[in-house]
Amino acid sequence: MTQTRREQQREDTTTEIKEVARRQMAEVGAAALSLRAIAREMGMTAPALYRYYDNRDALVTTLIVEAYNALADAMLAADSRVVSDDFNGRFQAVAFAFREWARQHPQDFTLIYGTPIPGYQAPRDQTVEPAGRVLQTIGFVLTAAWQAGKIRIPPAYQPLPPALQTVINDDILPQLPENVPAAGVALTMTIWARLYGVVWGELYGHFIPGLAESGSLYHIEVAAIWAELCITEA
């Protein structure tokens, strides 16, 4: 359906607002993000900008949702380029796509995985689903590999502590296909945490200079994770 001129102008302005917001986050940090400052940079009045976003938190939520979806889309695209039964290759693809997206979009990565913004509370009804897509991209590869008999779920995840089992059963499994095991959900979360930890350390200088920038340390961790799980090569 063809957009009207007014609709196109609104879409263009909304896009510009988000671009300016991301640029300002890179310069002053997400906590200092201000609709008035964005309006000033764009040559708009603050009341005019409020016609697009009710407040700063509404804009932040939009940026968070877009960041999660962009990351998940990048990982899914990487997965789609690998043949479905090459589980090691698929795991490497999504893992390396995670790091590459973070390196290319450090402000967005910080927004979704960094220090919370003071005074901001992410609305769960808008952010939980896109955040879950990132974990699901990893988890579905692992589940497929497990179902194919190519990896094992380590014994430490079976059985799960009762409290953890309850949370997974009540809050997570109802959103997933029936064939996903609870232990696989817990495994996915800890694997994501391992990948995230290396990426975070690289992006924000928590390693000795020269240790992580080449990606070699991350490659070692990706390979180590698969070696711990692998039964036979895919």
C-alpha atoms as a PDB file:
ATOM      1  CA  MET A   1       0.000   0.000   0.000  1.00  0.00           C
ATOM      2  CA  THR A   2       1.400   3.374  -1.037  1.00  0.00           C
ATOM      3  CA  GLN A   3       2.178   5.759   1.820  1.00  0.00           C
ATOM      4  CA  THR A   4       0.798   9.246   1.843  1.00  0.00           C
ATOM      5  CA  ARG A   5       3.265  12.105   1.913  1.00  0.00           C
ATOM      6  CA  ARG A   6       2.400  12.792   5.561  1.00  0.00           C
ATOM      7  CA  GLU A   7       2.934   9.148   6.504  1.00  0.00           C
ATOM      8  CA  GLN A   8       6.316   9.121   4.751  1.00  0.00           C
ATOM      9  CA  GLN A   9       7.347  12.325   6.509  1.00  0.00           C
ATOM     10  CA  ARG A  10       6.372  10.866   9.868  1.00  0.00           C
ATOM     11  CA  GLU A  11       8.318   7.677   9.170  1.00  0.00           C
ATOM     12  CA  ASP A  12      11.380   9.673   8.083  1.00  0.00           C
ATOM     13  CA  THR A  13      11.211  11.858  11.188  1.00  0.00           C
ATOM     14  CA  THR A  14      10.816   8.837  13.456  1.00  0.00           C
ATOM     15  CA  THR A  15      13.859   7.239  11.843  1.00  0.00           C
ATOM     16  CA  GLU A  16      15.868  10.426  12.309  1.00  0.00           C
ATOM     17  CA  ILE A  17      14.858  10.665  15.966  1.00  0.00           C
ATOM     18  CA  LYS A  18      16.171   7.160  16.584  1.00  0.00           C
ATOM     19  CA  GLU A  19      19.388   7.862  14.672  1.00  0.00           C
ATOM     20  CA  VAL A  20      20.036  11.007  16.698  1.00  0.00           C
ATOM     21  CA  ALA A  21      19.210   9.143  19.915  1.00  0.00           C
ATOM     22  CA  ARG A  22      21.737   6.424  19.113  1.00  0.00           C
ATOM     23  CA  ARG A  23      24.369   9.019  18.268  1.00  0.00           C
ATOM     24  CA  GLN A  24      23.739  10.849  21.537  1.00  0.00           C
ATOM     25  CA  MET A  25      23.928   7.597  23.488  1.00  0.00           C
ATOM     26  CA  ALA A  26      27.346   7.004  21.936  1.00  0.00           C
ATOM     27  CA  GLU A  27      28.461  10.468  23.013  1.00  0.00           C
ATOM     28  CA  VAL A  28      26.939  10.887  26.475  1.00  0.00           C
ATOM     29  CA  GLY A  29      25.529   7.476  27.399  1.00  0.00           C
ATOM     30  CA  ALA A  30      21.985   6.161  27.527  1.00  0.00           C
ATOM     31  CA  ALA A  31      21.351   7.579  31.000  1.00  0.00           C
ATOM     32  CA  ALA A  32      21.812  11.119  29.664  1.00  0.00           C
ATOM     33  CA  LEU A  33      19.478  10.650  26.707  1.00  0.00           C
ATOM     34  CA  SER A  34      17.082  13.600  26.490  1.00  0.00           C
ATOM     35  CA  LEU A  35      14.165  14.271  24.157  1.00  0.00           C
ATOM     36  CA  ARG A  36      14.833  17.999  24.464  1.00  0.00           C
ATOM     37  CA  ALA A  37      18.432  17.501  23.385  1.00  0.00           C
ATOM     38  CA  ILE A  38      17.289  15.380  20.440  1.00  0.00           C
ATOM     39  CA  ALA A  39      14.736  18.019  19.443  1.00  0.00           C
ATOM     40  CA  ARG A  40      17.373  20.721  19.660  1.00  0.00           C
ATOM     41  CA  GLU A  41      19.781  18.805  17.414  1.00  0.00           C
ATOM     42  CA  MET A  42      17.025  18.177  14.877  1.00  0.00           C
ATOM     43  CA  GLY A  43      15.884  21.791  14.883  1.00  0.00           C
ATOM     44  CA  MET A  44      12.492  20.860  16.338  1.00  0.00           C
ATOM     45  CA  THR A  45      10.640  22.143  19.357  1.00  0.00           C
ATOM     46  CA  ALA A  46      10.290  19.734  22.253  1.00  0.00           C
ATOM     47  CA  PRO A  47       6.470  19.713  22.008  1.00  0.00           C
ATOM     48  CA  ALA A  48       6.763  18.734  18.338  1.00  0.00           C
ATOM     49  CA  LEU A  49       8.978  15.778  19.193  1.00  0.00           C
ATOM     50  CA  TYR A  50       6.529  14.614  21.843  1.00  0.00           C
ATOM     51  CA  ARG A  51       4.072  13.941  19.053  1.00  0.00           C
ATOM     52  CA  TYR A  52       6.310  11.022  18.111  1.00  0.00           C
ATOM     53  CA  TYR A  53       7.231   9.706  21.563  1.00  0.00           C
ATOM     54  CA  ASP A  54       5.347  10.384  24.775  1.00  0.00           C
ATOM     55  CA  ASN A  55       8.531  10.540  26.812  1.00  0.00           C
ATOM     56  CA  ARG A  56      12.153   9.415  26.949  1.00  0.00           C
ATOM     57  CA  ASP A  57      11.225   5.976  28.249  1.00  0.00           C
ATOM     58  CA  ALA A  58       8.964   5.311  25.256  1.00  0.00           C
ATOM     59  CA  LEU A  59      11.862   6.101  22.929  1.00  0.00           C
ATOM     60  CA  VAL A  60      14.266   3.948  24.942  1.00  0.00           C
ATOM     61  CA  THR A  61      11.822   1.040  24.800  1.00  0.00           C
ATOM     62  CA  THR A  62      11.573   1.357  21.022  1.00  0.00           C
ATOM     63  CA  LEU A  63      15.362   1.344  20.709  1.00  0.00           C
ATOM     64  CA  ILE A  64      15.639  -1.710  22.981  1.00  0.00           C
ATOM     65  CA  VAL A  65      13.047  -3.689  21.037  1.00  0.00           C
ATOM     66  CA  GLU A  66      14.684  -2.816  17.717  1.00  0.00           C
ATOM     67  CA  ALA A  67      18.120  -3.760  19.054  1.00  0.00           C
ATOM     68  CA  TYR A  68      17.005  -7.175  20.289  1.00  0.00           C
ATOM     69  CA  ASN A  69      15.222  -7.892  17.017  1.00  0.00           C
ATOM     70  CA  ALA A  70      18.161  -6.723  14.912  1.00  0.00           C
ATOM     71  CA  LEU A  71      20.548  -8.965  16.861  1.00  0.00           C
ATOM     72  CA  ALA A  72      18.227 -11.965  16.620  1.00  0.00           C
ATOM     73  CA  ASP A  73      17.696 -11.354  12.895  1.00  0.00           C
ATOM     74  CA  ALA A  74      21.459 -11.250  12.311  1.00  0.00           C
ATOM     75  CA  MET A  75      21.901 -14.537  14.162  1.00  0.00           C
ATOM     76  CA  LEU A  76      19.017 -16.201  12.334  1.00  0.00           C
ATOM     77  CA  ALA A  77      20.385 -15.037   8.988  1.00  0.00           C
ATOM     78  CA  ALA A  78      23.764 -16.556   9.846  1.00  0.00           C
ATOM     79  CA  ASP A  79      22.095 -19.814  10.868  1.00  0.00           C
ATOM     80  CA  SER A  80      20.135 -19.959   7.607  1.00  0.00           C
ATOM     81  CA  ARG A  81      23.339 -19.939   5.568  1.00  0.00           C
ATOM     82  CA  VAL A  82      24.475 -23.265   7.069  1.00  0.00           C
ATOM     83  CA  VAL A  83      22.997 -26.631   6.095  1.00  0.00           C
ATOM     84  CA  SER A  84      20.487 -27.757   8.698  1.00  0.00           C
ATOM     85  CA  ASP A  85      22.309 -30.922   9.821  1.00  0.00           C
ATOM     86  CA  ASP A  86      25.680 -29.198  10.322  1.00  0.00           C
ATOM     87  CA  PHE A  87      24.982 -28.434  13.957  1.00  0.00           C
ATOM     88  CA  ASN A  88      28.505 -27.402  14.847  1.00  0.00           C
ATOM     89  CA  GLY A  89      28.554 -25.052  11.869  1.00  0.00           C
ATOM     90  CA  ARG A  90      25.173 -23.606  12.842  1.00  0.00           C
ATOM     91  CA  PHE A  91      26.278 -23.052  16.433  1.00  0.00           C
ATOM     92  CA  GLN A  92      29.441 -21.323  15.272  1.00  0.00           C
ATOM     93  CA  ALA A  93      27.432 -19.191  12.854  1.00  0.00           C
ATOM     94  CA  VAL A  94      25.005 -17.869  15.451  1.00  0.00           C
ATOM     95  CA  ALA A  95      27.766 -17.404  18.028  1.00  0.00           C
ATOM     96  CA  PHE A  96      30.005 -15.447  15.674  1.00  0.00           C
ATOM     97  CA  ALA A  97      27.032 -13.395  14.443  1.00  0.00           C
ATOM     98  CA  PHE A  98      26.369 -12.441  18.075  1.00  0.00           C
ATOM     99  CA  ARG A  99      29.900 -11.075  18.464  1.00  0.00           C
ATOM    100  CA  GLU A 100      29.971  -9.370  15.072  1.00  0.00           C
ATOM    101  CA  TRP A 101      26.688  -7.570  15.667  1.00  0.00           C
ATOM    102  CA  ALA A 102      27.920  -6.372  19.060  1.00  0.00           C
ATOM    103  CA  ARG A 103      31.116  -5.037  17.506  1.00  0.00           C
ATOM    104  CA  GLN A 104      29.200  -3.228  14.789  1.00  0.00           C
ATOM    105  CA  HIS A 105      26.530  -1.833  17.133  1.00  0.00           C
ATOM    106  CA  PRO A 106      28.232  -1.251  20.500  1.00  0.00           C
ATOM    107  CA  GLN A 107      25.722   1.388  21.658  1.00  0.00           C
ATOM    108  CA  ASP A 108      22.773  -0.898  20.973  1.00  0.00           C
ATOM    109  CA  PHE A 109      24.576  -3.805  22.644  1.00  0.00           C
ATOM    110  CA  THR A 110      25.180  -1.669  25.724  1.00  0.00           C
ATOM    111  CA  LEU A 111      21.566  -0.543  25.731  1.00  0.00           C
ATOM    112  CA  ILE A 112      20.206  -4.097  25.912  1.00  0.00           C
ATOM    113  CA  TYR A 113      22.956  -5.809  27.900  1.00  0.00           C
ATOM    114  CA  GLY A 114      24.742  -3.039  29.758  1.00  0.00           C
ATOM    115  CA  THR A 115      24.215  -0.983  32.889  1.00  0.00           C
ATOM    116  CA  PRO A 116      20.522  -0.268  33.556  1.00  0.00           C
ATOM    117  CA  ILE A 117      19.359   3.283  32.894  1.00  0.00           C
ATOM    118  CA  PRO A 118      18.504   4.989  36.195  1.00  0.00           C
ATOM    119  CA  GLY A 119      14.777   5.473  36.527  1.00  0.00           C
ATOM    120  CA  TYR A 120      13.907   3.359  33.511  1.00  0.00           C
ATOM    121  CA  GLN A 121      11.884   0.172  33.873  1.00  0.00           C
ATOM    122  CA  ALA A 122      11.586  -1.877  30.688  1.00  0.00           C
ATOM    123  CA  PRO A 123       7.959  -2.866  30.038  1.00  0.00           C
ATOM    124  CA  ARG A 124       7.964  -6.658  30.029  1.00  0.00           C
ATOM    125  CA  ASP A 125       5.020  -6.889  27.656  1.00  0.00           C
ATOM    126  CA  GLN A 126       7.128  -5.185  24.982  1.00  0.00           C
ATOM    127  CA  THR A 127      10.678  -6.347  25.666  1.00  0.00           C
ATOM    128  CA  VAL A 128      10.530  -9.944  26.895  1.00  0.00           C
ATOM    129  CA  GLU A 129       9.567 -11.472  23.548  1.00  0.00           C
ATOM    130  CA  PRO A 130      12.294  -9.780  21.454  1.00  0.00           C
ATOM    131  CA  ALA A 131      14.877 -10.490  24.159  1.00  0.00           C
ATOM    132  CA  GLY A 132      13.839 -14.139  24.096  1.00  0.00           C
ATOM    133  CA  ARG A 133      14.446 -14.363  20.355  1.00  0.00           C
ATOM    134  CA  VAL A 134      18.210 -14.078  20.916  1.00  0.00           C
ATOM    135  CA  LEU A 135      18.242 -16.958  23.383  1.00  0.00           C
ATOM    136  CA  GLN A 136      15.890 -19.010  21.237  1.00  0.00           C
ATOM    137  CA  THR A 137      18.182 -18.708  18.235  1.00  0.00           C
ATOM    138  CA  ILE A 138      20.920 -20.406  20.230  1.00  0.00           C
ATOM    139  CA  GLY A 139      18.558 -22.783  21.995  1.00  0.00           C
ATOM    140  CA  PHE A 140      16.853 -24.115  18.888  1.00  0.00           C
ATOM    141  CA  VAL A 141      20.209 -25.028  17.345  1.00  0.00           C
ATOM    142  CA  LEU A 142      21.191 -26.850  20.517  1.00  0.00           C
ATOM    143  CA  THR A 143      17.816 -28.585  20.741  1.00  0.00           C
ATOM    144  CA  ALA A 144      18.046 -29.770  17.135  1.00  0.00           C
ATOM    145  CA  ALA A 145      21.562 -31.080  17.745  1.00  0.00           C
ATOM    146  CA  TRP A 146      20.422 -32.859  20.926  1.00  0.00           C
ATOM    147  CA  GLN A 147      17.452 -34.441  19.157  1.00  0.00           C
ATOM    148  CA  ALA A 148      19.777 -35.639  16.408  1.00  0.00           C
ATOM    149  CA  GLY A 149      22.021 -37.287  18.996  1.00  0.00           C
ATOM    150  CA  LYS A 150      24.978 -35.024  18.235  1.00  0.00           C
ATOM    151  CA  ILE A 151      25.315 -33.352  21.637  1.00  0.00           C
ATOM    152  CA  ARG A 152      24.556 -34.251  25.210  1.00  0.00           C
ATOM    153  CA  ILE A 153      23.101 -32.128  27.965  1.00  0.00           C
ATOM    154  CA  PRO A 154      25.691 -32.290  30.778  1.00  0.00           C
ATOM    155  CA  PRO A 155      24.636 -34.271  33.860  1.00  0.00           C
ATOM    156  CA  ALA A 156      24.900 -31.153  36.050  1.00  0.00           C
ATOM    157  CA  TYR A 157      21.737 -29.845  34.351  1.00  0.00           C
ATOM    158  CA  GLN A 158      19.750 -32.964  35.155  1.00  0.00           C
ATOM    159  CA  PRO A 159      17.847 -32.806  37.362  1.00  0.00           C
ATOM    160  CA  LEU A 160      17.517 -29.054  37.780  1.00  0.00           C
ATOM    161  CA  PRO A 161      17.086 -27.535  41.238  1.00  0.00           C
ATOM    162  CA  PRO A 162      13.345 -27.414  42.021  1.00  0.00           C
ATOM    163  CA  ALA A 163      13.076 -23.618  42.081  1.00  0.00           C
ATOM    164  CA  LEU A 164      14.792 -23.294  38.701  1.00  0.00           C
ATOM    165  CA  GLN A 165      12.697 -26.106  37.261  1.00  0.00           C
ATOM    166  CA  THR A 166       9.523 -24.341  38.389  1.00  0.00           C
ATOM    167  CA  VAL A 167      10.465 -21.037  36.783  1.00  0.00           C
ATOM    168  CA  ILE A 168      11.356 -22.716  33.498  1.00  0.00           C
ATOM    169  CA  ASN A 169       8.204 -24.843  33.534  1.00  0.00           C
ATOM    170  CA  ASP A 170       5.889 -21.953  34.364  1.00  0.00           C
ATOM    171  CA  ASP A 171       7.422 -18.979  32.556  1.00  0.00           C
ATOM    172  CA  ILE A 172       9.511 -20.269  29.660  1.00  0.00           C
ATOM    173  CA  LEU A 173       8.447 -23.677  28.352  1.00  0.00           C
ATOM    174  CA  PRO A 174       4.865 -22.567  27.553  1.00  0.00           C
ATOM    175  CA  GLN A 175       6.346 -20.173  24.999  1.00  0.00           C
ATOM    176  CA  LEU A 176       8.472 -22.851  23.306  1.00  0.00           C
ATOM    177  CA  PRO A 177       7.831 -25.939  21.164  1.00  0.00           C
ATOM    178  CA  GLU A 178       6.888 -29.040  23.145  1.00  0.00           C
ATOM    179  CA  ASN A 179      10.140 -30.846  22.343  1.00  0.00           C
ATOM    180  CA  VAL A 180      12.406 -28.377  24.172  1.00  0.00           C
ATOM    181  CA  PRO A 181      13.702 -29.915  27.446  1.00  0.00           C
ATOM    182  CA  ALA A 182      13.875 -27.791  30.578  1.00  0.00           C
ATOM    183  CA  ALA A 183      17.521 -28.739  31.010  1.00  0.00           C
ATOM    184  CA  GLY A 184      18.172 -27.449  27.492  1.00  0.00           C
ATOM    185  CA  VAL A 185      16.711 -24.081  28.448  1.00  0.00           C
ATOM    186  CA  ALA A 186      19.066 -23.790  31.403  1.00  0.00           C
ATOM    187  CA  LEU A 187      21.987 -24.906  29.236  1.00  0.00           C
ATOM    188  CA  THR A 188      21.130 -22.285  26.616  1.00  0.00           C
ATOM    189  CA  MET A 189      21.136 -19.533  29.223  1.00  0.00           C
ATOM    190  CA  THR A 190      24.537 -20.449  30.592  1.00  0.00           C
ATOM    191  CA  ILE A 191      26.030 -20.778  27.119  1.00  0.00           C
ATOM    192  CA  TRP A 192      24.672 -17.353  26.202  1.00  0.00           C
ATOM    193  CA  ALA A 193      26.222 -15.997  29.397  1.00  0.00           C
ATOM    194  CA  ARG A 194      29.616 -17.414  28.423  1.00  0.00           C
ATOM    195  CA  LEU A 195      29.458 -15.874  24.958  1.00  0.00           C
ATOM    196  CA  TYR A 196      28.208 -12.579  26.333  1.00  0.00           C
ATOM    197  CA  GLY A 197      30.963 -12.449  28.926  1.00  0.00           C
ATOM    198  CA  VAL A 198      33.761 -12.676  26.359  1.00  0.00           C
ATOM    199  CA  VAL A 199      32.100 -10.146  24.060  1.00  0.00           C
ATOM    200  CA  TRP A 200      31.472  -7.720  26.910  1.00  0.00           C
ATOM    201  CA  GLY A 201      35.050  -8.027  28.111  1.00  0.00           C
ATOM    202  CA  GLU A 202      36.338  -7.354  24.606  1.00  0.00           C
ATOM    203  CA  LEU A 203      34.111  -4.367  23.898  1.00  0.00           C
ATOM    204  CA  TYR A 204      34.760  -2.595  27.165  1.00  0.00           C
ATOM    205  CA  GLY A 205      38.412  -3.290  27.741  1.00  0.00           C
ATOM    206  CA  HIS A 206      38.217  -5.823  30.560  1.00  0.00           C
ATOM    207  CA  PHE A 207      40.979  -7.935  29.027  1.00  0.00           C
ATOM    208  CA  ILE A 208      44.655  -7.167  28.682  1.00  0.00           C
ATOM    209  CA  PRO A 209      45.166  -5.158  25.457  1.00  0.00           C
ATOM    210  CA  GLY A 210      45.717  -7.465  22.498  1.00  0.00           C
ATOM    211  CA  LEU A 211      44.148 -10.505  24.161  1.00  0.00           C
ATOM    212  CA  ALA A 212      40.640 -10.403  22.715  1.00  0.00           C
ATOM    213  CA  GLU A 213      40.538  -7.918  19.846  1.00  0.00           C
ATOM    214  CA  SER A 214      41.457 -10.437  17.153  1.00  0.00           C
ATOM    215  CA  GLY A 215      38.560 -12.666  18.130  1.00  0.00           C
ATOM    216  CA  SER A 216      40.830 -15.612  18.857  1.00  0.00           C
ATOM    217  CA  LEU A 217      39.778 -15.836  22.497  1.00  0.00           C
ATOM    218  CA  TYR A 218      36.122 -15.864  21.468  1.00  0.00           C
ATOM    219  CA  HIS A 219      36.792 -18.552  18.852  1.00  0.00           C
ATOM    220  CA  ILE A 220      38.448 -20.686  21.539  1.00  0.00           C
ATOM    221  CA  GLU A 221      35.413 -20.324  23.803  1.00  0.00           C
ATOM    222  CA  VAL A 222      32.955 -21.182  21.026  1.00  0.00           C
ATOM    223  CA  ALA A 223      34.986 -24.275  20.149  1.00  0.00           C
ATOM    224  CA  ALA A 224      35.322 -25.231  23.823  1.00  0.00           C
ATOM    225  CA  ILE A 225      31.581 -25.035  24.380  1.00  0.00           C
ATOM    226  CA  TRP A 226      30.882 -27.354  21.467  1.00  0.00           C
ATOM    227  CA  ALA A 227      33.618 -29.774  22.507  1.00  0.00           C
ATOM    228  CA  GLU A 228      32.044 -30.034  25.965  1.00  0.00           C
ATOM    229  CA  LEU A 229      28.670 -30.930  24.451  1.00  0.00           C
ATOM    230  CA  CYS A 230      29.624 -32.916  21.378  1.00  0.00           C
ATOM    231  CA  ILE A 231      29.045 -36.654  21.144  1.00  0.00           C
ATOM    232  CA  THR A 232      29.935 -37.081  17.479  1.00  0.00           C
ATOM    233  CA  GLU A 233      30.833 -34.536  14.835  1.00  0.00           C
ATOM    234  CA  ALA A 234      27.873 -33.172  12.852  1.00  0.00           C
END
